[in-house]
Amino acid sequence: MDISVILATYKRPEILSRTLESFCSLKTENIQWELIIVDNAGDQATNNVVQKYEKHLPIKFLVETTPGKNNALNSAIPEAKGELFIFTDDDIITDTNWLVAMWKGMKRWPDYSVFGGKITAAWPGDPPVWGGNHSLNQSLFALYHLGEKEKLYSPDDFLPYGGDMAIKKKIFDTGYRFNSNIGPNGSTIYRMGSETDLLKRLKNDGLIPVYLPNCIVQHQIRPEQLTKHGLFNRNFRIGFGDFSPDDNMGRSLFSASLYLWKQLVSSFIRYWLSKANSNHIRAFEYYSKFSRTRGKIFAQRAFQIKNQYPFIQKLLQGSI
């Protein structure tokens, strides 16, 4: 087996269906491959979608009901037989050459084991009012573009995103796994960066990724993600995930950094001023900053409270 494509899904049958439809158009050039789909909910509608495509695609269907995308991905690893594991998401549209481009790219870099591709946006209509190429779109909508040339990742580059990355099987055979405490888990608040944690560990162990710009997928951007509520939730999770217990809080107020409280008020005022002046780009930027700051304040306060009151820590862990 050459390639195992692995994706986890959670109660998004319509979106998954569009993803699988794009897989049906993939060129393979005699590459032997399998598609491992892990249902992280035990959802009947998801099962129905998968059954529809089983006659067209080399699907291996798994169910992992322990909440968490990373739990789902980890459950697929022992089942995968390919030399190269390509990880993607249930809300992407593949370029027809995606599979072949990743395989040939790996062959061009035989001494490397980690690879990342390009992720562009499939907007639900026209790009948003702040522009389809705004730099914040990268983190908000998991878009990824490092140019048009293959290269090794530099220390300044963002690591590959989970919608379009590949790792050789032999790496997982040594014991690497995704961190089950990070990433989507069915709840509203969770630490983002499920693949980043693994890639950082690999990079620290000397496994530098290779960027393959011809390995292209589109991320399906849903209309609700472009609403004020959708933008707040995504930015909040980004801010929440940015928190580290090792952060220097400096002076604090209500168990969070005083600097963050000032930043929260400042960005809130600037957002409304920009909105009043119909400056959509600035309004978007300040609203994103406001939402991310709220997420980081929430994380700082939760950490401080749990440390000050151990019984709350036990309650949150479910041991009371």
C-alpha atoms as a PDB file:
ATOM      1  CA  MET A   1       0.000   0.000   0.000  1.00  0.00           C
ATOM      2  CA  ASP A   2       1.407   3.394  -1.004  1.00  0.00           C
ATOM      3  CA  ILE A   3      -0.862   5.959   0.663  1.00  0.00           C
ATOM      4  CA  SER A   4      -3.355   6.019   3.518  1.00  0.00           C
ATOM      5  CA  VAL A   5      -5.534   9.140   3.503  1.00  0.00           C
ATOM      6  CA  ILE A   6      -6.914   9.693   7.015  1.00  0.00           C
ATOM      7  CA  LEU A   7      -9.681  12.034   8.117  1.00  0.00           C
ATOM      8  CA  ALA A   8     -11.930  12.370  11.158  1.00  0.00           C
ATOM      9  CA  THR A   9     -15.503  13.598  10.968  1.00  0.00           C
ATOM     10  CA  TYR A  10     -18.083  14.724  13.512  1.00  0.00           C
ATOM     11  CA  LYS A  11     -21.752  15.121  12.592  1.00  0.00           C
ATOM     12  CA  ARG A  12     -21.220  16.984   9.308  1.00  0.00           C
ATOM     13  CA  PRO A  13     -22.682  14.605   6.706  1.00  0.00           C
ATOM     14  CA  GLU A  14     -23.457  17.234   4.051  1.00  0.00           C
ATOM     15  CA  ILE A  15     -19.986  18.742   4.237  1.00  0.00           C
ATOM     16  CA  LEU A  16     -18.377  15.296   4.281  1.00  0.00           C
ATOM     17  CA  SER A  17     -20.373  14.370   1.184  1.00  0.00           C
ATOM     18  CA  ARG A  18     -18.875  17.286  -0.778  1.00  0.00           C
ATOM     19  CA  THR A  19     -15.422  16.237   0.369  1.00  0.00           C
ATOM     20  CA  LEU A  20     -15.908  12.639  -0.715  1.00  0.00           C
ATOM     21  CA  GLU A  21     -17.341  13.778  -4.034  1.00  0.00           C
ATOM     22  CA  SER A  22     -14.059  15.583  -4.725  1.00  0.00           C
ATOM     23  CA  PHE A  23     -12.115  12.419  -3.880  1.00  0.00           C
ATOM     24  CA  CYS A  24     -13.960  10.645  -6.689  1.00  0.00           C
ATOM     25  CA  SER A  25     -12.163  12.889  -9.212  1.00  0.00           C
ATOM     26  CA  LEU A  26      -8.654  12.230  -7.896  1.00  0.00           C
ATOM     27  CA  LYS A  27      -6.017  11.070 -10.354  1.00  0.00           C
ATOM     28  CA  THR A  28      -4.056   8.133  -8.959  1.00  0.00           C
ATOM     29  CA  GLU A  29      -1.606   7.021 -11.709  1.00  0.00           C
ATOM     30  CA  ASN A  30      -1.627   3.468 -10.315  1.00  0.00           C
ATOM     31  CA  ILE A  31      -0.920   4.613  -6.763  1.00  0.00           C
ATOM     32  CA  GLN A  32      -2.302   2.051  -4.319  1.00  0.00           C
ATOM     33  CA  TRP A  33      -4.262   3.945  -1.696  1.00  0.00           C
ATOM     34  CA  GLU A  34      -6.929   3.689   0.958  1.00  0.00           C
ATOM     35  CA  LEU A  35      -9.222   6.263   2.542  1.00  0.00           C
ATOM     36  CA  ILE A  36      -9.730   5.853   6.282  1.00  0.00           C
ATOM     37  CA  ILE A  37     -12.727   7.764   7.631  1.00  0.00           C
ATOM     38  CA  VAL A  38     -13.179   7.894  11.400  1.00  0.00           C
ATOM     39  CA  ASP A  39     -16.614   8.856  12.689  1.00  0.00           C
ATOM     40  CA  ASN A  40     -16.079  10.534  16.058  1.00  0.00           C
ATOM     41  CA  ALA A  41     -19.777  10.518  16.927  1.00  0.00           C
ATOM     42  CA  GLY A  42     -21.304   7.212  15.866  1.00  0.00           C
ATOM     43  CA  ASP A  43     -23.697   9.215  13.685  1.00  0.00           C
ATOM     44  CA  GLN A  44     -26.152   7.378  11.427  1.00  0.00           C
ATOM     45  CA  ALA A  45     -26.294  10.203   8.874  1.00  0.00           C
ATOM     46  CA  THR A  46     -22.506  10.046   8.548  1.00  0.00           C
ATOM     47  CA  ASN A  47     -22.694   6.293   8.086  1.00  0.00           C
ATOM     48  CA  ASN A  48     -25.241   6.758   5.304  1.00  0.00           C
ATOM     49  CA  VAL A  49     -22.950   9.172   3.449  1.00  0.00           C
ATOM     50  CA  VAL A  50     -19.983   6.824   3.737  1.00  0.00           C
ATOM     51  CA  GLN A  51     -22.033   3.884   2.448  1.00  0.00           C
ATOM     52  CA  LYS A  52     -23.005   5.946  -0.589  1.00  0.00           C
ATOM     53  CA  TYR A  53     -19.345   6.406  -1.562  1.00  0.00           C
ATOM     54  CA  GLU A  54     -17.972   2.984  -0.627  1.00  0.00           C
ATOM     55  CA  LYS A  55     -18.635   1.705  -4.157  1.00  0.00           C
ATOM     56  CA  HIS A  56     -16.549   4.547  -5.640  1.00  0.00           C
ATOM     57  CA  LEU A  57     -13.679   4.942  -3.160  1.00  0.00           C
ATOM     58  CA  PRO A  58     -11.335   2.543  -1.281  1.00  0.00           C
ATOM     59  CA  ILE A  59     -12.914   3.391   2.074  1.00  0.00           C
ATOM     60  CA  LYS A  60     -12.135   1.846   5.433  1.00  0.00           C
ATOM     61  CA  PHE A  61     -14.737   3.118   7.902  1.00  0.00           C
ATOM     62  CA  LEU A  62     -14.007   3.293  11.631  1.00  0.00           C
ATOM     63  CA  VAL A  63     -16.009   4.550  14.584  1.00  0.00           C
ATOM     64  CA  GLU A  64     -14.267   6.126  17.594  1.00  0.00           C
ATOM     65  CA  THR A  65     -16.772   7.578  20.041  1.00  0.00           C
ATOM     66  CA  THR A  66     -14.227   8.813  22.590  1.00  0.00           C
ATOM     67  CA  PRO A  67     -14.624  12.586  22.074  1.00  0.00           C
ATOM     68  CA  GLY A  68     -11.791  14.396  20.338  1.00  0.00           C
ATOM     69  CA  LYS A  69     -10.496  14.648  16.791  1.00  0.00           C
ATOM     70  CA  ASN A  70      -7.072  13.476  17.913  1.00  0.00           C
ATOM     71  CA  ASN A  71      -8.544  10.385  19.555  1.00  0.00           C
ATOM     72  CA  ALA A  72     -10.168   9.618  16.215  1.00  0.00           C
ATOM     73  CA  LEU A  73      -6.931  10.117  14.278  1.00  0.00           C
ATOM     74  CA  ASN A  74      -4.957   8.026  16.753  1.00  0.00           C
ATOM     75  CA  SER A  75      -7.437   5.171  16.367  1.00  0.00           C
ATOM     76  CA  ALA A  76      -6.790   5.138  12.610  1.00  0.00           C
ATOM     77  CA  ILE A  77      -3.011   4.946  12.817  1.00  0.00           C
ATOM     78  CA  PRO A  78      -2.757   1.212  13.719  1.00  0.00           C
ATOM     79  CA  GLU A  79      -5.240   0.415  10.924  1.00  0.00           C
ATOM     80  CA  ALA A  80      -3.418   2.355   8.198  1.00  0.00           C
ATOM     81  CA  LYS A  81      -1.237   0.330   5.810  1.00  0.00           C
ATOM     82  CA  GLY A  82       0.242   2.960   3.504  1.00  0.00           C
ATOM     83  CA  GLU A  83       3.885   3.978   3.328  1.00  0.00           C
ATOM     84  CA  LEU A  84       2.720   7.600   3.551  1.00  0.00           C
ATOM     85  CA  PHE A  85      -0.116   8.847   5.761  1.00  0.00           C
ATOM     86  CA  ILE A  86      -1.888  11.910   4.350  1.00  0.00           C
ATOM     87  CA  PHE A  87      -4.021  13.711   6.932  1.00  0.00           C
ATOM     88  CA  THR A  88      -6.870  15.943   5.881  1.00  0.00           C
ATOM     89  CA  ASP A  89     -10.250  17.186   7.131  1.00  0.00           C
ATOM     90  CA  ASP A  90     -13.872  16.410   6.368  1.00  0.00           C
ATOM     91  CA  ASP A  91     -14.482  19.893   4.927  1.00  0.00           C
ATOM     92  CA  ILE A  92     -11.985  20.143   2.075  1.00  0.00           C
ATOM     93  CA  ILE A  93     -12.203  19.923  -1.708  1.00  0.00           C
ATOM     94  CA  THR A  94      -9.199  18.220  -3.271  1.00  0.00           C
ATOM     95  CA  ASP A  95      -7.400  19.283  -6.408  1.00  0.00           C
ATOM     96  CA  THR A  96      -7.496  16.396  -8.883  1.00  0.00           C
ATOM     97  CA  ASN A  97      -3.683  16.056  -8.747  1.00  0.00           C
ATOM     98  CA  TRP A  98      -3.485  16.187  -4.939  1.00  0.00           C
ATOM     99  CA  LEU A  99      -2.719  12.527  -4.289  1.00  0.00           C
ATOM    100  CA  VAL A 100      -0.180  12.212  -7.099  1.00  0.00           C
ATOM    101  CA  ALA A 101       1.496  15.511  -6.179  1.00  0.00           C
ATOM    102  CA  MET A 102       1.998  14.426  -2.569  1.00  0.00           C
ATOM    103  CA  TRP A 103       3.356  11.018  -3.592  1.00  0.00           C
ATOM    104  CA  LYS A 104       5.759  12.416  -6.194  1.00  0.00           C
ATOM    105  CA  GLY A 105       6.821  15.169  -3.804  1.00  0.00           C
ATOM    106  CA  MET A 106       7.727  12.576  -1.190  1.00  0.00           C
ATOM    107  CA  LYS A 107       9.794  10.720  -3.793  1.00  0.00           C
ATOM    108  CA  ARG A 108      11.676  13.915  -4.670  1.00  0.00           C
ATOM    109  CA  TRP A 109      12.617  14.374  -1.001  1.00  0.00           C
ATOM    110  CA  PRO A 110      13.482  10.796   0.038  1.00  0.00           C
ATOM    111  CA  ASP A 111      15.428  11.828   3.138  1.00  0.00           C
ATOM    112  CA  TYR A 112      12.457  13.680   4.661  1.00  0.00           C
ATOM    113  CA  SER A 113       9.366  12.325   6.383  1.00  0.00           C
ATOM    114  CA  VAL A 114       6.984  15.259   6.954  1.00  0.00           C
ATOM    115  CA  PHE A 115       5.235  17.254   4.218  1.00  0.00           C
ATOM    116  CA  GLY A 116       2.737  20.094   3.962  1.00  0.00           C
ATOM    117  CA  GLY A 117       0.643  21.392   1.080  1.00  0.00           C
ATOM    118  CA  LYS A 118      -1.294  24.499   0.107  1.00  0.00           C
ATOM    119  CA  ILE A 119      -4.792  25.277   1.436  1.00  0.00           C
ATOM    120  CA  THR A 120      -6.947  27.878  -0.292  1.00  0.00           C
ATOM    121  CA  ALA A 121     -10.474  29.097   0.448  1.00  0.00           C
ATOM    122  CA  ALA A 122     -13.692  27.891  -1.129  1.00  0.00           C
ATOM    123  CA  TRP A 123     -15.826  30.879  -0.130  1.00  0.00           C
ATOM    124  CA  PRO A 124     -19.607  30.328   0.003  1.00  0.00           C
ATOM    125  CA  GLY A 125     -20.020  33.241  -2.419  1.00  0.00           C
ATOM    126  CA  ASP A 126     -18.033  36.436  -2.788  1.00  0.00           C
ATOM    127  CA  PRO A 127     -15.019  36.866  -0.470  1.00  0.00           C
ATOM    128  CA  PRO A 128     -15.798  38.672   2.812  1.00  0.00           C
ATOM    129  CA  VAL A 129     -15.890  42.463   3.005  1.00  0.00           C
ATOM    130  CA  TRP A 130     -12.428  42.597   4.615  1.00  0.00           C
ATOM    131  CA  GLY A 131     -10.926  40.789   1.609  1.00  0.00           C
ATOM    132  CA  GLY A 132     -10.145  37.225   0.655  1.00  0.00           C
ATOM    133  CA  ASN A 133      -6.396  37.773   0.994  1.00  0.00           C
ATOM    134  CA  HIS A 134      -6.312  39.353   4.458  1.00  0.00           C
ATOM    135  CA  SER A 135      -3.502  37.889   6.583  1.00  0.00           C
ATOM    136  CA  LEU A 136      -5.891  36.998   9.426  1.00  0.00           C
ATOM    137  CA  ASN A 137      -7.770  34.637   7.113  1.00  0.00           C
ATOM    138  CA  GLN A 138      -4.905  32.177   7.460  1.00  0.00           C
ATOM    139  CA  SER A 139      -5.545  31.443  11.118  1.00  0.00           C
ATOM    140  CA  LEU A 140      -9.302  32.070  11.006  1.00  0.00           C
ATOM    141  CA  PHE A 141     -10.026  29.679   8.155  1.00  0.00           C
ATOM    142  CA  ALA A 142      -6.981  27.378   8.211  1.00  0.00           C
ATOM    143  CA  LEU A 143      -5.597  28.655   4.899  1.00  0.00           C
ATOM    144  CA  TYR A 144      -1.985  27.956   4.014  1.00  0.00           C
ATOM    145  CA  HIS A 145       0.308  29.339   1.318  1.00  0.00           C
ATOM    146  CA  LEU A 146       4.108  29.632   1.411  1.00  0.00           C
ATOM    147  CA  GLY A 147       4.600  30.488  -2.248  1.00  0.00           C
ATOM    148  CA  GLU A 148       5.023  28.423  -5.394  1.00  0.00           C
ATOM    149  CA  LYS A 149       8.405  26.771  -4.791  1.00  0.00           C
ATOM    150  CA  GLU A 150       9.124  23.529  -2.974  1.00  0.00           C
ATOM    151  CA  LYS A 151      11.312  24.127   0.039  1.00  0.00           C
ATOM    152  CA  LEU A 152      12.230  23.090   3.536  1.00  0.00           C
ATOM    153  CA  TYR A 153      10.344  24.954   6.217  1.00  0.00           C
ATOM    154  CA  SER A 154      12.316  27.797   7.803  1.00  0.00           C
ATOM    155  CA  PRO A 155      12.147  28.616  11.536  1.00  0.00           C
ATOM    156  CA  ASP A 156       9.856  31.564  10.689  1.00  0.00           C
ATOM    157  CA  ASP A 157       7.320  29.536   8.699  1.00  0.00           C
ATOM    158  CA  PHE A 158       4.070  28.308  10.173  1.00  0.00           C
ATOM    159  CA  LEU A 159       4.095  24.519  10.370  1.00  0.00           C
ATOM    160  CA  PRO A 160       1.756  22.599   8.017  1.00  0.00           C
ATOM    161  CA  TYR A 161      -1.961  22.652   8.738  1.00  0.00           C
ATOM    162  CA  GLY A 162      -3.943  19.506   9.439  1.00  0.00           C
ATOM    163  CA  GLY A 163      -6.089  19.826   6.326  1.00  0.00           C
ATOM    164  CA  ASP A 164      -3.145  19.071   4.055  1.00  0.00           C
ATOM    165  CA  MET A 165      -0.172  17.341   5.620  1.00  0.00           C
ATOM    166  CA  ALA A 166       1.580  13.994   5.283  1.00  0.00           C
ATOM    167  CA  ILE A 167       3.860  11.930   7.523  1.00  0.00           C
ATOM    168  CA  LYS A 168       5.588   8.664   6.690  1.00  0.00           C
ATOM    169  CA  LYS A 169       4.259   5.573   8.423  1.00  0.00           C
ATOM    170  CA  LYS A 170       7.677   4.732   9.835  1.00  0.00           C
ATOM    171  CA  ILE A 171       7.489   7.831  12.054  1.00  0.00           C
ATOM    172  CA  PHE A 172       4.335   6.576  13.765  1.00  0.00           C
ATOM    173  CA  ASP A 173       5.879   3.128  14.062  1.00  0.00           C
ATOM    174  CA  THR A 174       8.367   4.678  16.514  1.00  0.00           C
ATOM    175  CA  GLY A 175       5.506   5.691  18.826  1.00  0.00           C
ATOM    176  CA  TYR A 176       4.467   9.227  17.858  1.00  0.00           C
ATOM    177  CA  ARG A 177       0.792  10.038  18.304  1.00  0.00           C
ATOM    178  CA  PHE A 178      -1.482  13.097  18.342  1.00  0.00           C
ATOM    179  CA  ASN A 179      -2.065  14.754  21.724  1.00  0.00           C
ATOM    180  CA  SER A 180      -5.609  13.813  22.744  1.00  0.00           C
ATOM    181  CA  ASN A 181      -5.881  16.852  25.055  1.00  0.00           C
ATOM    182  CA  ILE A 182      -5.764  19.293  22.127  1.00  0.00           C
ATOM    183  CA  GLY A 183      -8.114  19.975  19.242  1.00  0.00           C
ATOM    184  CA  PRO A 184     -11.841  19.743  18.474  1.00  0.00           C
ATOM    185  CA  ASN A 185     -13.746  17.533  20.903  1.00  0.00           C
ATOM    186  CA  GLY A 186     -17.402  18.358  20.330  1.00  0.00           C
ATOM    187  CA  SER A 187     -17.423  21.204  22.870  1.00  0.00           C
ATOM    188  CA  THR A 188     -17.513  24.938  22.184  1.00  0.00           C
ATOM    189  CA  ILE A 189     -14.213  25.734  23.923  1.00  0.00           C
ATOM    190  CA  TYR A 190     -11.111  23.702  23.211  1.00  0.00           C
ATOM    191  CA  ARG A 191      -7.419  24.194  22.589  1.00  0.00           C
ATOM    192  CA  MET A 192      -6.741  24.502  18.878  1.00  0.00           C
ATOM    193  CA  GLY A 193      -3.613  23.298  17.137  1.00  0.00           C
ATOM    194  CA  SER A 194      -4.049  19.529  17.210  1.00  0.00           C
ATOM    195  CA  GLU A 195      -1.556  18.888  14.412  1.00  0.00           C
ATOM    196  CA  THR A 196       0.774  21.725  15.458  1.00  0.00           C
ATOM    197  CA  ASP A 197       1.591  20.019  18.747  1.00  0.00           C
ATOM    198  CA  LEU A 198       2.675  16.841  16.931  1.00  0.00           C
ATOM    199  CA  LEU A 199       4.606  18.746  14.264  1.00  0.00           C
ATOM    200  CA  LYS A 200       6.451  20.764  16.909  1.00  0.00           C
ATOM    201  CA  ARG A 201       7.543  17.562  18.623  1.00  0.00           C
ATOM    202  CA  LEU A 202       8.691  16.121  15.310  1.00  0.00           C
ATOM    203  CA  LYS A 203      10.536  19.320  14.428  1.00  0.00           C
ATOM    204  CA  ASN A 204      12.239  19.395  17.831  1.00  0.00           C
ATOM    205  CA  ASP A 205      13.432  15.865  17.117  1.00  0.00           C
ATOM    206  CA  GLY A 206      14.990  16.978  13.839  1.00  0.00           C
ATOM    207  CA  LEU A 207      12.160  16.127  11.427  1.00  0.00           C
ATOM    208  CA  ILE A 208      11.854  19.294   9.332  1.00  0.00           C
ATOM    209  CA  PRO A 209       8.797  19.461   7.019  1.00  0.00           C
ATOM    210  CA  VAL A 210       8.937  19.992   3.273  1.00  0.00           C
ATOM    211  CA  TYR A 211       6.490  22.393   1.618  1.00  0.00           C
ATOM    212  CA  LEU A 212       4.869  21.017  -1.560  1.00  0.00           C
ATOM    213  CA  PRO A 213       2.886  23.836  -3.232  1.00  0.00           C
ATOM    214  CA  ASN A 214       1.320  21.587  -5.874  1.00  0.00           C
ATOM    215  CA  CYS A 215      -0.508  19.573  -3.196  1.00  0.00           C
ATOM    216  CA  ILE A 216      -3.622  21.727  -3.097  1.00  0.00           C
ATOM    217  CA  VAL A 217      -6.917  21.482  -1.256  1.00  0.00           C
ATOM    218  CA  GLN A 218      -9.673  24.030  -0.753  1.00  0.00           C
ATOM    219  CA  HIS A 219     -11.224  24.596   2.656  1.00  0.00           C
ATOM    220  CA  GLN A 220     -15.022  24.787   2.513  1.00  0.00           C
ATOM    221  CA  ILE A 221     -15.857  28.064   4.260  1.00  0.00           C
ATOM    222  CA  ARG A 222     -19.416  27.930   5.568  1.00  0.00           C
ATOM    223  CA  PRO A 223     -21.675  31.033   5.690  1.00  0.00           C
ATOM    224  CA  GLU A 224     -22.030  30.799   9.475  1.00  0.00           C
ATOM    225  CA  GLN A 225     -18.253  31.073   9.849  1.00  0.00           C
ATOM    226  CA  LEU A 226     -18.405  34.572   8.356  1.00  0.00           C
ATOM    227  CA  THR A 227     -21.016  35.871  10.795  1.00  0.00           C
ATOM    228  CA  LYS A 228     -20.104  37.962  13.816  1.00  0.00           C
ATOM    229  CA  HIS A 229     -20.849  34.999  16.081  1.00  0.00           C
ATOM    230  CA  GLY A 230     -18.762  32.641  13.956  1.00  0.00           C
ATOM    231  CA  LEU A 231     -15.809  35.032  13.880  1.00  0.00           C
ATOM    232  CA  PHE A 232     -15.995  35.511  17.635  1.00  0.00           C
ATOM    233  CA  ASN A 233     -15.976  31.775  18.367  1.00  0.00           C
ATOM    234  CA  ARG A 234     -13.026  31.075  16.099  1.00  0.00           C
ATOM    235  CA  ASN A 235     -10.972  34.020  17.368  1.00  0.00           C
ATOM    236  CA  PHE A 236     -11.855  33.190  20.970  1.00  0.00           C
ATOM    237  CA  ARG A 237     -10.499  29.646  20.526  1.00  0.00           C
ATOM    238  CA  ILE A 238      -7.332  31.000  18.930  1.00  0.00           C
ATOM    239  CA  GLY A 239      -6.772  33.290  21.922  1.00  0.00           C
ATOM    240  CA  PHE A 240      -7.627  30.492  24.336  1.00  0.00           C
ATOM    241  CA  GLY A 241      -5.049  28.257  22.650  1.00  0.00           C
ATOM    242  CA  ASP A 242      -2.376  30.971  22.778  1.00  0.00           C
ATOM    243  CA  PHE A 243      -2.282  30.819  26.577  1.00  0.00           C
ATOM    244  CA  SER A 244       0.651  29.095  28.245  1.00  0.00           C
ATOM    245  CA  PRO A 245       1.086  28.575  32.010  1.00  0.00           C
ATOM    246  CA  ASP A 246       4.621  29.895  31.508  1.00  0.00           C
ATOM    247  CA  ASP A 247       3.402  33.294  30.272  1.00  0.00           C
ATOM    248  CA  ASN A 248       4.598  36.280  32.291  1.00  0.00           C
ATOM    249  CA  MET A 249       1.328  37.901  33.371  1.00  0.00           C
ATOM    250  CA  GLY A 250       2.898  40.939  35.009  1.00  0.00           C
ATOM    251  CA  ARG A 251       0.409  42.931  37.053  1.00  0.00           C
ATOM    252  CA  SER A 252      -2.951  41.210  37.227  1.00  0.00           C
ATOM    253  CA  LEU A 253      -6.584  42.142  37.711  1.00  0.00           C
ATOM    254  CA  PHE A 254      -9.310  39.561  38.395  1.00  0.00           C
ATOM    255  CA  SER A 255      -6.832  36.698  37.821  1.00  0.00           C
ATOM    256  CA  ALA A 256      -5.749  37.917  34.368  1.00  0.00           C
ATOM    257  CA  SER A 257      -3.026  40.185  33.043  1.00  0.00           C
ATOM    258  CA  LEU A 258      -3.769  43.893  33.434  1.00  0.00           C
ATOM    259  CA  TYR A 259      -2.217  44.396  30.007  1.00  0.00           C
ATOM    260  CA  LEU A 260      -4.818  42.073  28.469  1.00  0.00           C
ATOM    261  CA  TRP A 261      -7.681  43.922  30.144  1.00  0.00           C
ATOM    262  CA  LYS A 262      -6.375  47.198  28.671  1.00  0.00           C
ATOM    263  CA  GLN A 263      -6.018  45.545  25.266  1.00  0.00           C
ATOM    264  CA  LEU A 264      -9.576  44.231  25.514  1.00  0.00           C
ATOM    265  CA  VAL A 265     -11.048  47.678  26.206  1.00  0.00           C
ATOM    266  CA  SER A 266      -8.885  49.353  23.570  1.00  0.00           C
ATOM    267  CA  SER A 267      -9.780  46.884  20.812  1.00  0.00           C
ATOM    268  CA  PHE A 268     -13.475  47.052  21.755  1.00  0.00           C
ATOM    269  CA  ILE A 269     -13.533  50.863  21.434  1.00  0.00           C
ATOM    270  CA  ARG A 270     -11.524  50.823  18.205  1.00  0.00           C
ATOM    271  CA  TYR A 271     -13.855  48.195  16.750  1.00  0.00           C
ATOM    272  CA  TRP A 272     -16.929  50.371  17.289  1.00  0.00           C
ATOM    273  CA  LEU A 273     -15.184  53.491  15.989  1.00  0.00           C
ATOM    274  CA  SER A 274     -14.137  51.630  12.836  1.00  0.00           C
ATOM    275  CA  LYS A 275     -17.631  50.236  12.418  1.00  0.00           C
ATOM    276  CA  ALA A 276     -19.151  53.711  12.796  1.00  0.00           C
ATOM    277  CA  ASN A 277     -16.831  54.957  10.041  1.00  0.00           C
ATOM    278  CA  SER A 278     -17.691  51.967   7.781  1.00  0.00           C
ATOM    279  CA  ASN A 279     -14.061  50.897   7.781  1.00  0.00           C
ATOM    280  CA  HIS A 280     -14.772  47.191   7.317  1.00  0.00           C
ATOM    281  CA  ILE A 281     -11.150  46.073   7.286  1.00  0.00           C
ATOM    282  CA  ARG A 282     -10.233  47.847  10.519  1.00  0.00           C
ATOM    283  CA  ALA A 283     -13.476  46.737  12.163  1.00  0.00           C
ATOM    284  CA  PHE A 284     -12.672  43.131  11.262  1.00  0.00           C
ATOM    285  CA  GLU A 285      -9.127  43.465  12.617  1.00  0.00           C
ATOM    286  CA  TYR A 286     -10.148  45.022  15.930  1.00  0.00           C
ATOM    287  CA  TYR A 287     -13.033  42.595  16.413  1.00  0.00           C
ATOM    288  CA  SER A 288     -10.617  39.715  15.863  1.00  0.00           C
ATOM    289  CA  LYS A 289      -8.189  41.206  18.372  1.00  0.00           C
ATOM    290  CA  PHE A 290     -10.989  41.777  20.884  1.00  0.00           C
ATOM    291  CA  SER A 291     -12.242  38.194  20.546  1.00  0.00           C
ATOM    292  CA  ARG A 292      -8.766  36.659  20.798  1.00  0.00           C
ATOM    293  CA  THR A 293      -7.998  38.746  23.860  1.00  0.00           C
ATOM    294  CA  ARG A 294     -11.199  37.536  25.508  1.00  0.00           C
ATOM    295  CA  GLY A 295     -10.131  33.973  24.821  1.00  0.00           C
ATOM    296  CA  LYS A 296      -6.729  34.489  26.376  1.00  0.00           C
ATOM    297  CA  ILE A 297      -8.215  36.230  29.431  1.00  0.00           C
ATOM    298  CA  PHE A 298     -10.628  33.325  29.846  1.00  0.00           C
ATOM    299  CA  ALA A 299      -7.727  30.852  29.709  1.00  0.00           C
ATOM    300  CA  GLN A 300      -5.634  32.823  32.215  1.00  0.00           C
ATOM    301  CA  ARG A 301      -8.509  33.132  34.669  1.00  0.00           C
ATOM    302  CA  ALA A 302      -9.454  29.467  34.364  1.00  0.00           C
ATOM    303  CA  PHE A 303      -5.851  28.446  35.034  1.00  0.00           C
ATOM    304  CA  GLN A 304      -5.516  30.733  38.053  1.00  0.00           C
ATOM    305  CA  ILE A 305      -8.838  29.658  39.562  1.00  0.00           C
ATOM    306  CA  LYS A 306      -8.058  25.978  39.145  1.00  0.00           C
ATOM    307  CA  ASN A 307      -4.722  26.465  40.901  1.00  0.00           C
ATOM    308  CA  GLN A 308      -6.239  28.488  43.735  1.00  0.00           C
ATOM    309  CA  TYR A 309      -9.142  26.106  44.300  1.00  0.00           C
ATOM    310  CA  PRO A 310      -8.058  22.468  43.786  1.00  0.00           C
ATOM    311  CA  PHE A 311     -11.612  21.167  44.200  1.00  0.00           C
ATOM    312  CA  ILE A 312     -12.576  23.049  40.998  1.00  0.00           C
ATOM    313  CA  GLN A 313      -9.722  21.316  39.184  1.00  0.00           C
ATOM    314  CA  LYS A 314     -11.085  17.938  40.334  1.00  0.00           C
ATOM    315  CA  LEU A 315     -14.598  18.953  39.345  1.00  0.00           C
ATOM    316  CA  LEU A 316     -13.466  19.936  35.849  1.00  0.00           C
ATOM    317  CA  GLN A 317     -11.589  16.656  35.487  1.00  0.00           C
ATOM    318  CA  GLY A 318     -14.679  14.702  36.504  1.00  0.00           C
ATOM    319  CA  SER A 319     -13.095  13.191  39.614  1.00  0.00           C
ATOM    320  CA  ILE A 320     -15.748  14.586  41.973  1.00  0.00           C
END
